Amino acid sequence: MSSQKYSENTYKIATVFLEGLTPEMVKAFPEVGLDAETFFTLGDGELREALGGRMSADFGRYKRDEALQRAARELEFVERHGIKVLYMHDPDYPARVVQIDAPPKVLFVLGNADFNSEHTVSVVGTRKCTRGGMEFCKKFTSELCELYPDIWVVSGLAYGIDSVAHAAALEAGRKTAAVLAHGLDTIYPAAHRNLAREIINRNGALVSEYPSGITPYRSRFLERNRIVAALTDATVVVESEVRGGAMSTANTAFSFSREVFAVPGRPDDIMSSGCNHLIHRNKAHILTSHSDFIEDMGWPLAGVKVESKQRCLFPELEGDTRIVYDFIRFQRSAVTPDEIHASTSLPIAKVMGVLGELEFDGIVTRLPGNRYELI
């Protein structure tokens, strides 16, 4: 057992530095009676027993102590700059992100962010956007922000559509979050340092899964894009070629069962080819205005009364229907059919059939992203 005592955040940050400790393993910690501190303080034999004999050589005492020492140095940087450490099992970790298969073990956040806000949207697109794309992005973002005071606009701080979306949200007096592909000790591109500073000053946030000293390169931008997609219920692609970062974000959002929207364009316009492709492949809704988005997302407007169906608090259900109902009932957030299937072992066809019955009977409701919750 480790003799040195560290702070709680040091143990959490150390999960980032221990090679071989995957997000899936950290996600399963509660199932084997572990938390970050016990993982790093147990003796090798005790840890091997807790892991059911699946002890990796990378988790030996020396490797764990080395990770803790690196984490202690990182904590000094974090505390010096007022950066928040959101660990996967913390209550303030983004609920939408923890739903994905391999959520970041830790998110480093500079600024203030309510990632569990009811209204969130990711707005992305090409760096080489046209004037028309910029104008649409600004108009769409501004109009959406005007209607929803609690909205968070998420993007990647890149040139082009990303920066236009951030700026439009700030101009509308709303909050925006920029997800970075590097540590929070730098800003890339450097030309957007003032934009990043404005985001922080206006109660927005910079977000990264990387500790300080980690520099951006191609694969990290792709990793960053999955967080942009995971943080919100919907991803909007304004302009993109068929290949590019915005397309990876859109495809990732689609794989997460989140809603995807794309602005259509002329068939011969290369900057619209990606959006047209998403629409053609039925991966995205056509987006021509903020009204399209609101209608397809089912976001009620302030002052508009939305009638809710009444249901019995404890409906008389049996068999598979009861299994599905009970699973949904005890979840903290809405769930997808795949999650129900994985947890109950019911065939996916059976799950879909039961969900249809429960929705028809007014017991559950379907949310954007093919997620279900009790009414």
Protein backbone atom coordinates (compact mmCIF):
# COMPACT_ATOMS: atom_id res chain seq x y z
CA MET A 1 0.00 0.00 0.00
CA SER A 2 1.24 3.50 -0.85
CA SER A 3 2.45 5.34 2.25
CA GLN A 4 2.24 8.88 0.86
CA LYS A 5 -1.13 10.62 1.09
CA TYR A 6 -2.26 12.77 -1.82
CA SER A 7 -5.26 15.05 -2.34
CA GLU A 8 -8.45 13.67 -3.86
CA ASN A 9 -7.90 15.51 -7.13
CA THR A 10 -4.38 14.09 -7.44
CA TYR A 11 -5.75 10.55 -7.48
CA LYS A 12 -8.32 11.56 -10.09
CA ILE A 13 -5.76 13.27 -12.31
CA ALA A 14 -3.40 10.29 -11.95
CA THR A 15 -5.87 8.14 -13.94
CA VAL A 16 -4.87 10.26 -16.95
CA PHE A 17 -1.18 9.46 -16.56
CA LEU A 18 -1.37 5.70 -15.99
CA GLU A 19 -0.77 3.94 -19.28
CA GLY A 20 -3.09 1.02 -19.85
CA LEU A 21 -5.85 2.32 -17.58
CA THR A 22 -8.65 2.72 -20.10
CA PRO A 23 -11.80 4.84 -19.76
CA GLU A 24 -13.82 1.61 -19.80
CA MET A 25 -11.90 0.33 -16.79
CA VAL A 26 -12.37 3.57 -14.85
CA LYS A 27 -16.06 3.57 -15.76
CA ALA A 28 -16.33 0.12 -14.15
CA PHE A 29 -14.60 1.10 -10.90
CA PRO A 30 -17.83 1.21 -8.84
CA GLU A 31 -18.73 -2.30 -10.01
CA VAL A 32 -15.59 -3.73 -8.39
CA GLY A 33 -15.69 -1.51 -5.30
CA LEU A 34 -12.95 0.89 -6.36
CA ASP A 35 -12.56 4.63 -6.59
CA ALA A 36 -9.56 6.62 -7.80
CA GLU A 37 -7.92 6.76 -4.37
CA THR A 38 -8.27 3.07 -3.53
CA PHE A 39 -7.03 2.11 -7.00
CA PHE A 40 -3.79 4.00 -6.39
CA THR A 41 -3.30 3.12 -2.72
CA LEU A 42 -4.05 -0.61 -2.60
CA GLY A 43 -1.14 -3.02 -2.58
CA ASP A 44 -0.48 -4.99 -5.75
CA GLY A 45 -2.07 -8.14 -4.32
CA GLU A 46 -5.15 -6.32 -3.06
CA LEU A 47 -5.59 -4.52 -6.37
CA ARG A 48 -5.20 -7.77 -8.29
CA GLU A 49 -7.92 -9.32 -6.14
CA ALA A 50 -10.23 -6.31 -6.62
CA LEU A 51 -9.72 -6.53 -10.39
CA GLY A 52 -10.58 -10.22 -10.37
CA GLY A 53 -7.06 -11.32 -11.20
CA ARG A 54 -6.90 -9.14 -14.31
CA MET A 55 -3.94 -7.14 -13.00
CA SER A 56 -1.80 -5.53 -15.65
CA ALA A 57 1.93 -5.13 -15.18
CA ASP A 58 1.37 -1.45 -15.93
CA PHE A 59 -0.60 -1.15 -12.68
CA GLY A 60 2.22 -2.22 -10.37
CA ARG A 61 3.20 -0.05 -7.41
CA TYR A 62 6.06 1.67 -9.24
CA LYS A 63 3.90 2.64 -12.24
CA ARG A 64 1.08 3.90 -10.02
CA ASP A 65 3.44 5.95 -7.87
CA GLU A 66 4.96 7.45 -11.00
CA ALA A 67 1.49 8.47 -12.23
CA LEU A 68 0.73 10.04 -8.84
CA GLN A 69 3.90 12.09 -8.93
CA ARG A 70 3.06 13.41 -12.40
CA ALA A 71 -0.49 14.13 -11.23
CA ALA A 72 0.80 16.08 -8.22
CA ARG A 73 2.80 18.34 -10.55
CA GLU A 74 -0.25 18.77 -12.79
CA LEU A 75 -2.39 19.67 -9.77
CA GLU A 76 -0.04 22.57 -9.05
CA PHE A 77 -0.70 23.91 -12.57
CA VAL A 78 -4.45 23.31 -12.25
CA GLU A 79 -4.75 25.09 -8.91
CA ARG A 80 -2.51 27.96 -9.98
CA HIS A 81 -4.79 28.73 -12.94
CA GLY A 82 -8.16 28.00 -11.33
CA ILE A 83 -8.89 25.02 -13.58
CA LYS A 84 -11.66 22.63 -12.52
CA VAL A 85 -11.04 18.88 -12.55
CA LEU A 86 -14.13 16.90 -13.51
CA TYR A 87 -13.58 13.21 -12.86
CA MET A 88 -15.79 10.65 -14.61
CA HIS A 89 -17.61 9.65 -11.42
CA ASP A 90 -18.08 13.18 -10.06
CA PRO A 91 -21.68 14.46 -9.89
CA ASP A 92 -20.78 17.57 -11.93
CA TYR A 93 -19.20 15.56 -14.77
CA PRO A 94 -21.31 16.16 -17.92
CA ALA A 95 -24.16 13.64 -17.89
CA ARG A 96 -24.30 13.52 -21.69
CA VAL A 97 -20.60 12.67 -21.96
CA VAL A 98 -20.61 9.87 -19.39
CA GLN A 99 -23.18 8.08 -21.58
CA ILE A 100 -20.72 7.39 -24.41
CA ASP A 101 -18.65 4.21 -24.58
CA ALA A 102 -15.26 5.67 -23.66
CA PRO A 103 -15.77 9.02 -21.92
CA PRO A 104 -12.66 10.98 -20.93
CA LYS A 105 -11.47 9.90 -17.49
CA VAL A 106 -11.04 13.55 -16.57
CA LEU A 107 -12.13 16.81 -18.15
CA PHE A 108 -10.12 19.95 -17.38
CA VAL A 109 -12.34 23.04 -17.45
CA LEU A 110 -11.22 26.66 -17.34
CA GLY A 111 -14.18 28.93 -16.68
CA ASN A 112 -17.78 28.25 -15.75
CA ALA A 113 -19.96 25.73 -17.50
CA ASP A 114 -23.34 24.12 -16.94
CA PHE A 115 -22.86 21.17 -19.24
CA ASN A 116 -26.12 19.68 -18.01
CA SER A 117 -28.19 22.61 -19.24
CA GLU A 118 -31.45 21.63 -20.93
CA HIS A 119 -30.62 23.44 -24.17
CA THR A 120 -27.25 22.70 -25.76
CA VAL A 121 -26.08 22.65 -29.37
CA SER A 122 -22.77 22.05 -31.14
CA VAL A 123 -22.17 24.22 -34.18
CA VAL A 124 -19.31 23.15 -36.45
CA GLY A 125 -18.08 23.54 -40.00
CA THR A 126 -15.17 24.06 -42.31
CA ARG A 127 -12.27 26.41 -41.62
CA LYS A 128 -12.53 27.63 -45.23
CA CYS A 129 -16.14 28.77 -44.96
CA THR A 130 -17.82 31.08 -47.47
CA ARG A 131 -19.33 34.44 -46.64
CA GLY A 132 -22.76 32.88 -47.00
CA GLY A 133 -21.85 30.14 -44.54
CA MET A 134 -20.59 32.67 -42.03
CA GLU A 135 -23.76 34.73 -42.35
CA PHE A 136 -26.01 31.69 -41.92
CA CYS A 137 -24.03 30.51 -38.90
CA LYS A 138 -24.23 33.90 -37.21
CA LYS A 139 -27.96 34.30 -37.95
CA PHE A 140 -28.88 30.77 -36.85
CA THR A 141 -26.84 30.94 -33.64
CA SER A 142 -28.07 34.44 -32.76
CA GLU A 143 -31.73 33.59 -33.28
CA LEU A 144 -31.46 30.39 -31.25
CA CYS A 145 -29.67 32.26 -28.46
CA GLU A 146 -32.36 34.93 -28.41
CA LEU A 147 -35.06 32.31 -27.78
CA TYR A 148 -33.25 30.22 -25.13
CA PRO A 149 -31.48 32.18 -22.35
CA ASP A 150 -29.99 29.00 -20.84
CA ILE A 151 -28.47 27.73 -24.10
CA TRP A 152 -24.85 26.62 -24.38
CA VAL A 153 -23.20 26.80 -27.81
CA VAL A 154 -20.32 24.33 -28.15
CA SER A 155 -17.61 24.31 -30.80
CA GLY A 156 -13.88 23.81 -31.28
CA LEU A 157 -12.32 27.32 -31.40
CA ALA A 158 -11.04 26.63 -34.93
CA TYR A 159 -10.92 29.09 -37.80
CA GLY A 160 -14.09 29.51 -39.84
CA ILE A 161 -17.48 28.31 -38.65
CA ASP A 162 -16.29 27.40 -35.14
CA SER A 163 -15.13 30.91 -34.31
CA VAL A 164 -18.22 32.47 -35.90
CA ALA A 165 -20.47 30.32 -33.70
CA HIS A 166 -18.55 31.24 -30.53
CA ALA A 167 -18.61 34.94 -31.42
CA ALA A 168 -22.32 34.91 -32.26
CA ALA A 169 -23.18 33.35 -28.91
CA LEU A 170 -21.08 35.94 -27.08
CA GLU A 171 -22.62 38.79 -29.06
CA ALA A 172 -26.08 37.51 -28.10
CA GLY A 173 -25.08 37.51 -24.44
CA ARG A 174 -25.14 33.74 -24.16
CA LYS A 175 -22.56 31.22 -22.97
CA THR A 176 -20.27 29.17 -25.16
CA ALA A 177 -17.75 26.38 -24.58
CA ALA A 178 -14.67 25.69 -26.69
CA VAL A 179 -13.32 22.13 -26.68
CA LEU A 180 -9.56 22.03 -27.27
CA ALA A 181 -7.27 19.36 -28.71
CA HIS A 182 -4.40 20.19 -26.34
CA GLY A 183 -3.66 21.14 -22.74
CA LEU A 184 -5.01 24.34 -21.23
CA ASP A 185 -1.55 25.86 -21.00
CA THR A 186 -1.79 27.06 -24.59
CA ILE A 187 -4.33 28.18 -27.20
CA TYR A 188 -4.46 26.89 -30.76
CA PRO A 189 -4.75 28.64 -33.08
CA ALA A 190 -2.81 31.43 -31.38
CA ALA A 191 -4.83 33.99 -33.34
CA HIS A 192 -7.87 33.04 -31.22
CA ARG A 193 -6.31 33.87 -27.85
CA ASN A 194 -8.47 36.98 -27.55
CA LEU A 195 -11.59 34.96 -28.42
CA ALA A 196 -10.66 32.38 -25.80
CA ARG A 197 -10.11 35.14 -23.24
CA GLU A 198 -13.51 36.64 -24.10
CA ILE A 199 -15.19 33.26 -23.68
CA ILE A 200 -13.78 32.98 -20.17
CA ASN A 201 -14.61 36.59 -19.28
CA ARG A 202 -18.23 36.08 -20.38
CA ASN A 203 -18.80 33.04 -18.12
CA GLY A 204 -18.07 30.50 -20.82
CA ALA A 205 -15.49 27.74 -20.65
CA LEU A 206 -12.48 26.12 -22.30
CA VAL A 207 -12.57 22.33 -22.06
CA SER A 208 -9.91 19.67 -22.62
CA GLU A 209 -9.28 16.05 -21.72
CA TYR A 210 -5.53 16.68 -21.90
CA PRO A 211 -3.19 17.82 -19.13
CA SER A 212 -0.78 20.72 -19.60
CA GLY A 213 2.13 20.18 -21.97
CA ILE A 214 0.08 18.15 -24.46
CA THR A 215 0.31 19.77 -27.88
CA PRO A 216 -2.19 19.44 -30.74
CA TYR A 217 -1.78 17.04 -33.63
CA ARG A 218 -4.16 15.37 -36.07
CA SER A 219 -5.43 12.44 -33.99
CA ARG A 220 -6.10 14.69 -31.01
CA PHE A 221 -8.42 16.86 -33.09
CA LEU A 222 -10.42 13.74 -33.93
CA GLU A 223 -10.53 12.84 -30.23
CA ARG A 224 -11.59 16.41 -29.46
CA ASN A 225 -14.44 16.15 -31.96
CA ARG A 226 -16.04 13.26 -30.06
CA ILE A 227 -16.33 15.51 -26.99
CA VAL A 228 -17.87 18.32 -29.07
CA ALA A 229 -20.46 15.78 -30.22
CA ALA A 230 -20.98 14.23 -26.79
CA LEU A 231 -21.53 17.47 -24.86
CA THR A 232 -24.82 18.30 -26.61
CA ASP A 233 -28.06 16.78 -27.82
CA ALA A 234 -27.60 18.10 -31.36
CA THR A 235 -24.77 18.88 -33.77
CA VAL A 236 -25.23 21.42 -36.57
CA VAL A 237 -22.93 21.36 -39.62
CA VAL A 238 -23.06 24.65 -41.50
CA GLU A 239 -20.51 24.01 -44.27
CA SER A 240 -18.09 21.15 -44.87
CA GLU A 241 -16.39 19.16 -47.55
CA VAL A 242 -17.05 15.41 -47.55
CA ARG A 243 -13.85 14.91 -45.58
CA GLY A 244 -12.98 17.06 -42.63
CA GLY A 245 -13.25 17.63 -38.92
CA ALA A 246 -16.86 18.77 -39.03
CA MET A 247 -17.83 15.54 -40.77
CA SER A 248 -16.08 13.47 -38.13
CA THR A 249 -18.00 15.39 -35.44
CA ALA A 250 -21.29 14.83 -37.29
CA ASN A 251 -20.67 11.11 -37.83
CA THR A 252 -19.64 10.70 -34.20
CA ALA A 253 -22.78 12.50 -33.01
CA PHE A 254 -24.86 10.19 -35.22
CA SER A 255 -23.11 7.14 -33.71
CA PHE A 256 -24.00 8.50 -30.23
CA SER A 257 -27.69 8.59 -31.29
CA ARG A 258 -27.66 12.38 -31.10
CA GLU A 259 -29.51 14.56 -33.57
CA VAL A 260 -27.51 15.91 -36.53
CA PHE A 261 -28.49 18.87 -38.74
CA ALA A 262 -26.87 20.00 -41.98
CA VAL A 263 -27.34 23.13 -44.08
CA PRO A 264 -27.98 22.04 -47.69
CA GLY A 265 -26.16 23.66 -50.58
CA ARG A 266 -25.77 23.60 -54.36
CA PRO A 267 -24.68 20.22 -55.79
CA ASP A 268 -21.57 21.78 -57.34
CA ASP A 269 -20.51 23.65 -54.18
CA ILE A 270 -17.56 21.79 -52.65
CA MET A 271 -18.14 23.51 -49.29
CA SER A 272 -21.65 22.06 -49.15
CA SER A 273 -20.72 18.58 -50.36
CA GLY A 274 -20.35 17.21 -46.83
CA CYS A 275 -23.69 18.60 -45.68
CA ASN A 276 -25.42 17.26 -48.79
CA HIS A 277 -23.80 13.88 -48.17
CA LEU A 278 -25.09 13.73 -44.59
CA ILE A 279 -28.60 14.56 -45.74
CA HIS A 280 -28.44 12.05 -48.59
CA ARG A 281 -27.34 9.29 -46.20
CA ASN A 282 -30.19 10.14 -43.80
CA LYS A 283 -27.69 11.05 -41.11
CA ALA A 284 -28.85 14.64 -40.80
CA HIS A 285 -32.01 16.74 -40.80
CA ILE A 286 -32.16 19.50 -43.41
CA LEU A 287 -31.56 22.84 -41.72
CA THR A 288 -32.72 26.03 -43.42
CA SER A 289 -33.52 28.13 -40.33
CA HIS A 290 -33.64 28.03 -36.56
CA SER A 291 -37.33 27.08 -36.86
CA ASP A 292 -36.36 23.77 -38.49
CA PHE A 293 -34.08 23.04 -35.58
CA ILE A 294 -36.61 23.92 -32.88
CA GLU A 295 -39.35 21.85 -34.53
CA ASP A 296 -37.19 18.75 -35.02
CA MET A 297 -35.67 18.99 -31.53
CA GLY A 298 -39.06 19.54 -29.89
CA TRP A 299 -37.77 22.46 -27.81
CA PRO A 300 -40.78 24.38 -26.41
CA LEU A 301 -40.58 28.15 -26.46
CA ALA A 302 -40.91 30.24 -23.30
CA GLY A 303 -44.54 31.01 -22.54
CA VAL A 304 -45.82 28.12 -24.63
CA LYS A 305 -47.62 25.58 -22.49
CA VAL A 306 -46.73 22.01 -23.37
CA GLU A 307 -49.37 19.52 -22.28
CA SER A 308 -47.99 16.49 -20.51
CA LYS A 309 -49.59 13.08 -20.44
CA GLN A 310 -50.70 11.70 -17.12
CA ARG A 311 -49.59 8.27 -16.02
CA CYS A 312 -50.00 6.05 -13.01
CA LEU A 313 -47.00 6.35 -10.70
CA PHE A 314 -46.73 2.57 -10.43
CA PRO A 315 -48.27 1.05 -13.57
CA GLU A 316 -49.27 -2.61 -13.49
CA LEU A 317 -46.67 -4.13 -15.78
CA GLU A 318 -45.38 -7.67 -16.15
CA GLY A 319 -42.61 -9.66 -17.80
CA ASP A 320 -40.30 -7.94 -20.27
CA THR A 321 -42.34 -4.74 -20.08
CA ARG A 322 -41.71 -4.52 -16.35
CA ILE A 323 -37.98 -5.18 -16.85
CA VAL A 324 -37.65 -2.31 -19.34
CA TYR A 325 -39.80 0.02 -17.22
CA ASP A 326 -37.77 -0.66 -14.07
CA PHE A 327 -34.47 -0.13 -15.90
CA ILE A 328 -35.58 3.30 -17.21
CA ARG A 329 -37.11 4.22 -13.85
CA PHE A 330 -33.86 3.89 -11.92
CA GLN A 331 -31.60 5.77 -14.36
CA ARG A 332 -30.47 9.32 -13.66
CA SER A 333 -30.93 10.36 -17.29
CA ALA A 334 -32.67 9.25 -20.47
CA VAL A 335 -31.45 5.97 -22.01
CA THR A 336 -31.11 4.53 -25.50
CA PRO A 337 -32.49 1.16 -26.66
CA ASP A 338 -28.90 -0.11 -26.95
CA GLU A 339 -28.27 0.69 -23.28
CA ILE A 340 -31.43 -1.16 -22.26
CA HIS A 341 -30.44 -4.12 -24.42
CA ALA A 342 -26.91 -4.22 -22.96
CA SER A 343 -28.11 -4.05 -19.36
CA THR A 344 -31.14 -6.37 -19.53
CA SER A 345 -29.95 -8.85 -22.22
CA LEU A 346 -33.37 -8.55 -23.89
CA PRO A 347 -33.18 -8.79 -27.72
CA ILE A 348 -33.06 -5.35 -29.31
CA ALA A 349 -36.23 -6.11 -31.28
CA LYS A 350 -38.04 -6.91 -28.03
CA VAL A 351 -36.71 -3.71 -26.42
CA MET A 352 -37.97 -1.61 -29.34
CA GLY A 353 -41.37 -3.31 -29.21
CA VAL A 354 -41.73 -2.72 -25.47
CA LEU A 355 -40.65 0.92 -25.81
CA GLY A 356 -43.29 1.41 -28.50
CA GLU A 357 -45.97 0.02 -26.19
CA LEU A 358 -44.83 2.13 -23.23
CA GLU A 359 -44.76 5.26 -25.40
CA PHE A 360 -48.25 4.52 -26.76
CA ASP A 361 -49.55 4.04 -23.21
CA GLY A 362 -48.12 7.38 -22.14
CA ILE A 363 -45.58 5.87 -19.74
CA VAL A 364 -42.36 6.87 -21.52
CA THR A 365 -41.50 9.60 -23.99
CA ARG A 366 -38.93 9.56 -26.79
CA LEU A 367 -36.39 12.38 -26.70
CA PRO A 368 -34.03 13.64 -29.41
CA GLY A 369 -31.19 11.21 -29.99
CA ASN A 370 -33.49 8.17 -29.72
CA ARG A 371 -33.41 8.34 -25.92
CA TYR A 372 -36.26 7.42 -23.61
CA GLU A 373 -37.36 8.55 -20.17
CA LEU A 374 -40.46 8.22 -17.98
CA ILE A 375 -43.12 10.88 -18.50
